[in-house]
Amino acid sequence: MSPARHASVFRTAMGDDAFGRLHPMLQRRFSVGLDSGEACVGRGVMDRIWHGPGFVRPFLRLGAKRHILVPEAGRHVPFVIENVPYTDSYGRETVTFVRTFHFRGGPRRFDATMIHSPERDCVLDYLGTHQHLASDLHFAADPHGGLVIRSGEHRFREGPVDVRVPHLIGGDAEVRESYDEWTGRFRIRVRVTNRRFGPLFGYEGSFRAAFRDATAHGIRPGLRPIREEARA
């Protein structure tokens, strides 16, 4: 079945049949968009934030300067995720995935903005404040109504440069999100691995979500990226 004309970027990527197999609360959460008029803000706790071997940390610190990944590790870290739809500078429907981790030493952000790319037939995930990294994301429903997101090709873009990130230095991401009816919380687990070096970074925890009128509230200052990338 083809997606609805004004479906969210996530439903468009998955198709109606796969999207309909998600738990109803996941369907609502991933219907955030301009047509639904809803934004979603989740607040909770990451039970664990971890990273891999010591040599990974300098790369995490470098990425953290532009809100890509998180160099600290910790347990029971307060967490906020903001999913707000807007139209970007190129007229594309975009949804923020801005995650803020409140460590004792101060907050760390992990920013992403997502669009549907008809050219690539997937959700395109722009990472960081300047959208220099772009990843293909593939969405699927698991047998229990949970959502599984797996990354595909990664590209680096800076000025005229547009290159594929080799698997040797890139990371493969897997995100699993579900809804726990008993607690009324969304549960999330993120794991990033390298095909040669193994686990690099991840986190897991849970949060409650509040939905709000995206049209009335708009998008708060600082949530949009500083630079937007035209290339899909």
C-alpha atoms as a PDB file:
ATOM      1  CA  MET A   1       0.000   0.000   0.000  1.00  0.00           C
ATOM      2  CA  SER A   2       1.383   3.436  -0.887  1.00  0.00           C
ATOM      3  CA  PRO A   3       1.903   6.006   1.809  1.00  0.00           C
ATOM      4  CA  ALA A   4      -0.670   8.713   2.437  1.00  0.00           C
ATOM      5  CA  ARG A   5      -0.135  11.887   0.477  1.00  0.00           C
ATOM      6  CA  HIS A   6       0.824  13.959   3.496  1.00  0.00           C
ATOM      7  CA  ALA A   7       2.307  11.221   5.680  1.00  0.00           C
ATOM      8  CA  SER A   8       5.163  11.997   8.049  1.00  0.00           C
ATOM      9  CA  VAL A   9       8.691  11.542   6.739  1.00  0.00           C
ATOM     10  CA  PHE A  10       8.911   8.275   8.729  1.00  0.00           C
ATOM     11  CA  ARG A  11       5.618   6.801   7.534  1.00  0.00           C
ATOM     12  CA  THR A  12       6.536   7.754   3.978  1.00  0.00           C
ATOM     13  CA  ALA A  13       9.834   5.895   4.293  1.00  0.00           C
ATOM     14  CA  MET A  14       8.304   2.793   5.912  1.00  0.00           C
ATOM     15  CA  GLY A  15       5.053   2.567   3.940  1.00  0.00           C
ATOM     16  CA  ASP A  16       1.607   2.196   5.479  1.00  0.00           C
ATOM     17  CA  ASP A  17       1.786  -1.571   6.042  1.00  0.00           C
ATOM     18  CA  ALA A  18       5.056  -1.576   8.007  1.00  0.00           C
ATOM     19  CA  PHE A  19       4.159   1.617   9.860  1.00  0.00           C
ATOM     20  CA  GLY A  20       0.816   0.089  10.867  1.00  0.00           C
ATOM     21  CA  ARG A  21       2.628  -2.775  12.623  1.00  0.00           C
ATOM     22  CA  LEU A  22       4.184  -0.378  15.131  1.00  0.00           C
ATOM     23  CA  HIS A  23       2.671   0.012  18.581  1.00  0.00           C
ATOM     24  CA  PRO A  24       0.038   2.807  18.463  1.00  0.00           C
ATOM     25  CA  MET A  25       2.142   5.062  20.689  1.00  0.00           C
ATOM     26  CA  LEU A  26       5.142   4.616  18.388  1.00  0.00           C
ATOM     27  CA  GLN A  27       2.868   5.407  15.460  1.00  0.00           C
ATOM     28  CA  ARG A  28       1.874   8.652  17.133  1.00  0.00           C
ATOM     29  CA  ARG A  29       5.440   9.538  18.051  1.00  0.00           C
ATOM     30  CA  PHE A  30       6.706   8.944  14.518  1.00  0.00           C
ATOM     31  CA  SER A  31       3.748  10.752  12.967  1.00  0.00           C
ATOM     32  CA  VAL A  32       5.296  13.993  14.224  1.00  0.00           C
ATOM     33  CA  GLY A  33       5.288  16.292  11.223  1.00  0.00           C
ATOM     34  CA  LEU A  34       3.823  19.299   9.482  1.00  0.00           C
ATOM     35  CA  ASP A  35       0.628  17.472   8.554  1.00  0.00           C
ATOM     36  CA  SER A  36      -0.074  16.125  12.045  1.00  0.00           C
ATOM     37  CA  GLY A  37       0.820  19.528  13.501  1.00  0.00           C
ATOM     38  CA  GLU A  38       2.417  17.808  16.490  1.00  0.00           C
ATOM     39  CA  ALA A  39       5.847  18.018  18.067  1.00  0.00           C
ATOM     40  CA  CYS A  40       7.096  15.584  20.698  1.00  0.00           C
ATOM     41  CA  VAL A  41       9.366  16.230  23.675  1.00  0.00           C
ATOM     42  CA  GLY A  42      10.612  13.240  25.643  1.00  0.00           C
ATOM     43  CA  ARG A  43      12.076  13.493  29.135  1.00  0.00           C
ATOM     44  CA  GLY A  44      13.626  10.628  31.023  1.00  0.00           C
ATOM     45  CA  VAL A  45      16.834   8.957  32.114  1.00  0.00           C
ATOM     46  CA  MET A  46      19.517   7.072  30.251  1.00  0.00           C
ATOM     47  CA  ASP A  47      20.375   4.130  32.465  1.00  0.00           C
ATOM     48  CA  ARG A  48      23.735   3.797  30.767  1.00  0.00           C
ATOM     49  CA  ILE A  49      25.822   5.804  28.306  1.00  0.00           C
ATOM     50  CA  TRP A  50      28.972   4.027  27.192  1.00  0.00           C
ATOM     51  CA  HIS A  51      31.814   4.219  24.709  1.00  0.00           C
ATOM     52  CA  GLY A  52      34.328   1.726  23.372  1.00  0.00           C
ATOM     53  CA  PRO A  53      38.127   1.516  23.637  1.00  0.00           C
ATOM     54  CA  GLY A  54      40.209   4.518  24.708  1.00  0.00           C
ATOM     55  CA  PHE A  55      41.261   5.444  21.176  1.00  0.00           C
ATOM     56  CA  VAL A  56      37.589   6.252  20.393  1.00  0.00           C
ATOM     57  CA  ARG A  57      37.406   9.135  22.879  1.00  0.00           C
ATOM     58  CA  PRO A  58      39.383  11.750  20.881  1.00  0.00           C
ATOM     59  CA  PHE A  59      37.041  11.218  17.934  1.00  0.00           C
ATOM     60  CA  LEU A  60      34.010  11.564  20.188  1.00  0.00           C
ATOM     61  CA  ARG A  61      35.422  14.794  21.650  1.00  0.00           C
ATOM     62  CA  LEU A  62      36.052  16.141  18.168  1.00  0.00           C
ATOM     63  CA  GLY A  63      32.528  15.330  17.081  1.00  0.00           C
ATOM     64  CA  ALA A  64      31.080  16.825  20.272  1.00  0.00           C
ATOM     65  CA  LYS A  65      32.260  20.287  19.181  1.00  0.00           C
ATOM     66  CA  ARG A  66      29.517  20.188  16.569  1.00  0.00           C
ATOM     67  CA  HIS A  67      27.027  18.196  18.638  1.00  0.00           C
ATOM     68  CA  ILE A  68      27.829  14.828  17.066  1.00  0.00           C
ATOM     69  CA  LEU A  69      28.007  11.954  19.559  1.00  0.00           C
ATOM     70  CA  VAL A  70      28.866  12.276  23.264  1.00  0.00           C
ATOM     71  CA  PRO A  71      32.375  11.814  24.726  1.00  0.00           C
ATOM     72  CA  GLU A  72      31.305  11.161  28.341  1.00  0.00           C
ATOM     73  CA  ALA A  73      30.076   7.905  29.816  1.00  0.00           C
ATOM     74  CA  GLY A  74      27.728   7.626  32.773  1.00  0.00           C
ATOM     75  CA  ARG A  75      24.766   6.036  34.463  1.00  0.00           C
ATOM     76  CA  HIS A  76      21.355   7.455  35.366  1.00  0.00           C
ATOM     77  CA  VAL A  77      21.852  10.531  33.186  1.00  0.00           C
ATOM     78  CA  PRO A  78      18.808  12.826  32.750  1.00  0.00           C
ATOM     79  CA  PHE A  79      17.848  13.076  29.107  1.00  0.00           C
ATOM     80  CA  VAL A  80      15.653  15.189  26.816  1.00  0.00           C
ATOM     81  CA  ILE A  81      14.814  14.523  23.169  1.00  0.00           C
ATOM     82  CA  GLU A  82      13.088  17.177  21.039  1.00  0.00           C
ATOM     83  CA  ASN A  83      11.317  16.122  17.844  1.00  0.00           C
ATOM     84  CA  VAL A  84       9.956  19.236  16.159  1.00  0.00           C
ATOM     85  CA  PRO A  85       8.867  19.518  12.507  1.00  0.00           C
ATOM     86  CA  TYR A  86       9.686  22.525  10.327  1.00  0.00           C
ATOM     87  CA  THR A  87      10.352  23.461   6.715  1.00  0.00           C
ATOM     88  CA  ASP A  88      14.063  23.927   6.035  1.00  0.00           C
ATOM     89  CA  SER A  89      15.718  26.514   3.791  1.00  0.00           C
ATOM     90  CA  TYR A  90      15.250  24.237   0.761  1.00  0.00           C
ATOM     91  CA  GLY A  91      11.526  23.696   1.280  1.00  0.00           C
ATOM     92  CA  ARG A  92      11.852  20.185   2.712  1.00  0.00           C
ATOM     93  CA  GLU A  93       9.838  18.887   5.638  1.00  0.00           C
ATOM     94  CA  THR A  94      12.374  18.291   8.400  1.00  0.00           C
ATOM     95  CA  VAL A  95      12.138  16.830  11.918  1.00  0.00           C
ATOM     96  CA  THR A  96      14.669  17.571  14.646  1.00  0.00           C
ATOM     97  CA  PHE A  97      16.173  14.781  16.724  1.00  0.00           C
ATOM     98  CA  VAL A  98      18.018  16.888  19.283  1.00  0.00           C
ATOM     99  CA  ARG A  99      19.130  14.869  22.307  1.00  0.00           C
ATOM    100  CA  THR A 100      20.471  16.595  25.430  1.00  0.00           C
ATOM    101  CA  PHE A 101      22.245  14.540  28.094  1.00  0.00           C
ATOM    102  CA  HIS A 102      22.551  16.310  31.451  1.00  0.00           C
ATOM    103  CA  PHE A 103      25.849  15.101  32.917  1.00  0.00           C
ATOM    104  CA  ARG A 104      27.066  16.410  36.260  1.00  0.00           C
ATOM    105  CA  GLY A 105      29.757  18.412  34.475  1.00  0.00           C
ATOM    106  CA  GLY A 106      27.242  20.053  32.174  1.00  0.00           C
ATOM    107  CA  PRO A 107      24.940  19.192  29.265  1.00  0.00           C
ATOM    108  CA  ARG A 108      25.996  17.508  26.038  1.00  0.00           C
ATOM    109  CA  ARG A 109      23.950  17.588  22.847  1.00  0.00           C
ATOM    110  CA  PHE A 110      23.685  15.088  20.035  1.00  0.00           C
ATOM    111  CA  ASP A 111      21.891  16.819  17.155  1.00  0.00           C
ATOM    112  CA  ALA A 112      20.279  15.372  14.064  1.00  0.00           C
ATOM    113  CA  THR A 113      17.719  16.560  11.538  1.00  0.00           C
ATOM    114  CA  MET A 114      15.826  14.133   9.334  1.00  0.00           C
ATOM    115  CA  ILE A 115      14.120  14.378   5.948  1.00  0.00           C
ATOM    116  CA  HIS A 116      12.659  11.825   3.564  1.00  0.00           C
ATOM    117  CA  SER A 117      14.861  11.436   0.491  1.00  0.00           C
ATOM    118  CA  PRO A 118      12.956  10.148  -2.564  1.00  0.00           C
ATOM    119  CA  GLU A 119      16.287   9.979  -4.406  1.00  0.00           C
ATOM    120  CA  ARG A 120      17.733   7.543  -1.868  1.00  0.00           C
ATOM    121  CA  ASP A 121      14.402   5.953  -0.877  1.00  0.00           C
ATOM    122  CA  CYS A 122      15.076   6.303   2.846  1.00  0.00           C
ATOM    123  CA  VAL A 123      15.198   8.781   5.689  1.00  0.00           C
ATOM    124  CA  LEU A 124      18.275  10.980   5.420  1.00  0.00           C
ATOM    125  CA  ASP A 125      19.831  11.840   8.771  1.00  0.00           C
ATOM    126  CA  TYR A 126      21.940  15.007   8.838  1.00  0.00           C
ATOM    127  CA  LEU A 127      24.198  15.017  11.898  1.00  0.00           C
ATOM    128  CA  GLY A 128      25.483  17.944  13.921  1.00  0.00           C
ATOM    129  CA  THR A 129      25.145  21.694  13.886  1.00  0.00           C
ATOM    130  CA  HIS A 130      26.454  22.053  10.317  1.00  0.00           C
ATOM    131  CA  GLN A 131      25.035  18.907   8.683  1.00  0.00           C
ATOM    132  CA  HIS A 132      28.491  17.864   7.468  1.00  0.00           C
ATOM    133  CA  LEU A 133      27.668  14.194   7.957  1.00  0.00           C
ATOM    134  CA  ALA A 134      24.685  12.512   6.318  1.00  0.00           C
ATOM    135  CA  SER A 135      23.536   8.935   6.906  1.00  0.00           C
ATOM    136  CA  ASP A 136      20.914   6.815   5.205  1.00  0.00           C
ATOM    137  CA  LEU A 137      18.471   5.377   7.744  1.00  0.00           C
ATOM    138  CA  HIS A 138      16.249   2.355   7.136  1.00  0.00           C
ATOM    139  CA  PHE A 139      13.164   1.901   9.341  1.00  0.00           C
ATOM    140  CA  ALA A 140      11.380  -1.381  10.103  1.00  0.00           C
ATOM    141  CA  ALA A 141       8.863  -2.781  12.587  1.00  0.00           C
ATOM    142  CA  ASP A 142       9.917  -5.727  14.739  1.00  0.00           C
ATOM    143  CA  PRO A 143       7.526  -8.634  15.511  1.00  0.00           C
ATOM    144  CA  HIS A 144       6.480  -7.038  18.832  1.00  0.00           C
ATOM    145  CA  GLY A 145       5.514  -3.610  17.480  1.00  0.00           C
ATOM    146  CA  GLY A 146       8.850  -1.994  18.228  1.00  0.00           C
ATOM    147  CA  LEU A 147      10.825   0.163  15.822  1.00  0.00           C
ATOM    148  CA  VAL A 148      14.243  -0.795  14.454  1.00  0.00           C
ATOM    149  CA  ILE A 149      16.391   1.798  12.683  1.00  0.00           C
ATOM    150  CA  ARG A 150      19.615   0.801  10.950  1.00  0.00           C
ATOM    151  CA  SER A 151      22.093   3.096   9.262  1.00  0.00           C
ATOM    152  CA  GLY A 152      23.344   2.589   5.727  1.00  0.00           C
ATOM    153  CA  GLU A 153      25.801   4.653   3.736  1.00  0.00           C
ATOM    154  CA  HIS A 154      27.481   7.672   5.368  1.00  0.00           C
ATOM    155  CA  ARG A 155      28.725  10.724   3.488  1.00  0.00           C
ATOM    156  CA  PHE A 156      30.891  13.717   4.443  1.00  0.00           C
ATOM    157  CA  ARG A 157      30.088  17.075   2.875  1.00  0.00           C
ATOM    158  CA  GLU A 158      32.132  20.262   3.184  1.00  0.00           C
ATOM    159  CA  GLY A 159      31.977  22.876   0.427  1.00  0.00           C
ATOM    160  CA  PRO A 160      32.494  21.058  -2.899  1.00  0.00           C
ATOM    161  CA  VAL A 161      33.590  17.869  -1.105  1.00  0.00           C
ATOM    162  CA  ASP A 162      31.034  15.043  -1.127  1.00  0.00           C
ATOM    163  CA  VAL A 163      32.631  11.703  -0.271  1.00  0.00           C
ATOM    164  CA  ARG A 164      31.461   8.356   1.035  1.00  0.00           C
ATOM    165  CA  VAL A 165      32.837   7.510   4.486  1.00  0.00           C
ATOM    166  CA  PRO A 166      34.706   4.171   4.251  1.00  0.00           C
ATOM    167  CA  HIS A 167      33.472   1.342   6.456  1.00  0.00           C
ATOM    168  CA  LEU A 168      36.923   1.150   8.054  1.00  0.00           C
ATOM    169  CA  ILE A 169      36.402   4.468   9.840  1.00  0.00           C
ATOM    170  CA  GLY A 170      32.609   4.707   9.819  1.00  0.00           C
ATOM    171  CA  GLY A 171      30.092   3.453  12.332  1.00  0.00           C
ATOM    172  CA  ASP A 172      27.038   1.269  11.849  1.00  0.00           C
ATOM    173  CA  ALA A 173      24.167   2.457  14.032  1.00  0.00           C
ATOM    174  CA  GLU A 174      21.225   0.421  15.286  1.00  0.00           C
ATOM    175  CA  VAL A 175      18.387   2.055  17.220  1.00  0.00           C
ATOM    176  CA  ARG A 176      15.621   0.063  18.894  1.00  0.00           C
ATOM    177  CA  GLU A 177      12.642   1.857  20.356  1.00  0.00           C
ATOM    178  CA  SER A 178       9.562   0.344  21.997  1.00  0.00           C
ATOM    179  CA  TYR A 179       6.665   1.379  24.206  1.00  0.00           C
ATOM    180  CA  ASP A 180       6.150  -0.138  27.653  1.00  0.00           C
ATOM    181  CA  GLU A 181       2.430  -0.077  28.425  1.00  0.00           C
ATOM    182  CA  TRP A 182       3.009  -1.032  32.051  1.00  0.00           C
ATOM    183  CA  THR A 183       5.096   2.070  32.813  1.00  0.00           C
ATOM    184  CA  GLY A 184       3.822   4.381  30.069  1.00  0.00           C
ATOM    185  CA  ARG A 185       7.375   4.999  28.917  1.00  0.00           C
ATOM    186  CA  PHE A 186       9.248   4.702  25.653  1.00  0.00           C
ATOM    187  CA  ARG A 187      12.348   2.536  25.868  1.00  0.00           C
ATOM    188  CA  ILE A 188      15.323   3.179  23.630  1.00  0.00           C
ATOM    189  CA  ARG A 189      18.633   1.471  22.946  1.00  0.00           C
ATOM    190  CA  VAL A 190      21.273   2.896  20.616  1.00  0.00           C
ATOM    191  CA  ARG A 191      24.429   1.061  19.599  1.00  0.00           C
ATOM    192  CA  VAL A 192      27.120   2.264  17.172  1.00  0.00           C
ATOM    193  CA  THR A 193      29.768  -0.237  16.057  1.00  0.00           C
ATOM    194  CA  ASN A 194      32.675  -0.326  13.630  1.00  0.00           C
ATOM    195  CA  ARG A 195      33.107  -3.406  11.462  1.00  0.00           C
ATOM    196  CA  ARG A 196      36.765  -3.736  12.403  1.00  0.00           C
ATOM    197  CA  PHE A 197      37.063  -2.195  15.882  1.00  0.00           C
ATOM    198  CA  GLY A 198      33.746  -3.304  17.400  1.00  0.00           C
ATOM    199  CA  PRO A 199      31.470  -1.262  19.712  1.00  0.00           C
ATOM    200  CA  LEU A 200      32.116   2.503  19.660  1.00  0.00           C
ATOM    201  CA  PHE A 201      29.292   4.271  21.483  1.00  0.00           C
ATOM    202  CA  GLY A 202      25.777   3.760  22.764  1.00  0.00           C
ATOM    203  CA  TYR A 203      23.114   4.466  25.323  1.00  0.00           C
ATOM    204  CA  GLU A 204      19.941   2.919  26.691  1.00  0.00           C
ATOM    205  CA  GLY A 205      17.134   4.132  28.900  1.00  0.00           C
ATOM    206  CA  SER A 206      13.540   5.307  28.894  1.00  0.00           C
ATOM    207  CA  PHE A 207      11.452   8.467  28.744  1.00  0.00           C
ATOM    208  CA  ARG A 208       7.921   9.800  28.821  1.00  0.00           C
ATOM    209  CA  ALA A 209       6.711  11.832  25.874  1.00  0.00           C
ATOM    210  CA  ALA A 210       4.572  14.964  25.765  1.00  0.00           C
ATOM    211  CA  PHE A 211       2.940  16.047  22.520  1.00  0.00           C
ATOM    212  CA  ARG A 212       2.322  19.685  21.710  1.00  0.00           C
ATOM    213  CA  ASP A 213       0.955  21.887  18.963  1.00  0.00           C
ATOM    214  CA  ALA A 214       3.909  22.459  16.652  1.00  0.00           C
ATOM    215  CA  THR A 215       2.148  25.224  14.732  1.00  0.00           C
ATOM    216  CA  ALA A 216       1.357  27.260  17.839  1.00  0.00           C
ATOM    217  CA  HIS A 217       4.736  26.794  19.519  1.00  0.00           C
ATOM    218  CA  GLY A 218       6.999  26.735  16.454  1.00  0.00           C
ATOM    219  CA  ILE A 219      10.636  25.752  16.809  1.00  0.00           C
ATOM    220  CA  ARG A 220      12.634  27.236  19.644  1.00  0.00           C
ATOM    221  CA  PRO A 221      15.860  29.211  19.003  1.00  0.00           C
ATOM    222  CA  GLY A 222      18.958  27.018  18.847  1.00  0.00           C
ATOM    223  CA  LEU A 223      17.163  23.881  17.725  1.00  0.00           C
ATOM    224  CA  ARG A 224      17.732  24.244  13.993  1.00  0.00           C
ATOM    225  CA  PRO A 225      21.229  23.570  12.610  1.00  0.00           C
ATOM    226  CA  ILE A 226      23.521  26.526  11.961  1.00  0.00           C
ATOM    227  CA  ARG A 227      24.108  25.373   8.365  1.00  0.00           C
ATOM    228  CA  GLU A 228      21.754  23.369   6.171  1.00  0.00           C
ATOM    229  CA  GLU A 229      22.922  20.997   3.455  1.00  0.00           C
ATOM    230  CA  ALA A 230      21.113  21.005   0.098  1.00  0.00           C
ATOM    231  CA  ARG A 231      22.505  17.700  -1.155  1.00  0.00           C
ATOM    232  CA  ALA A 232      20.316  14.683  -0.468  1.00  0.00           C
END
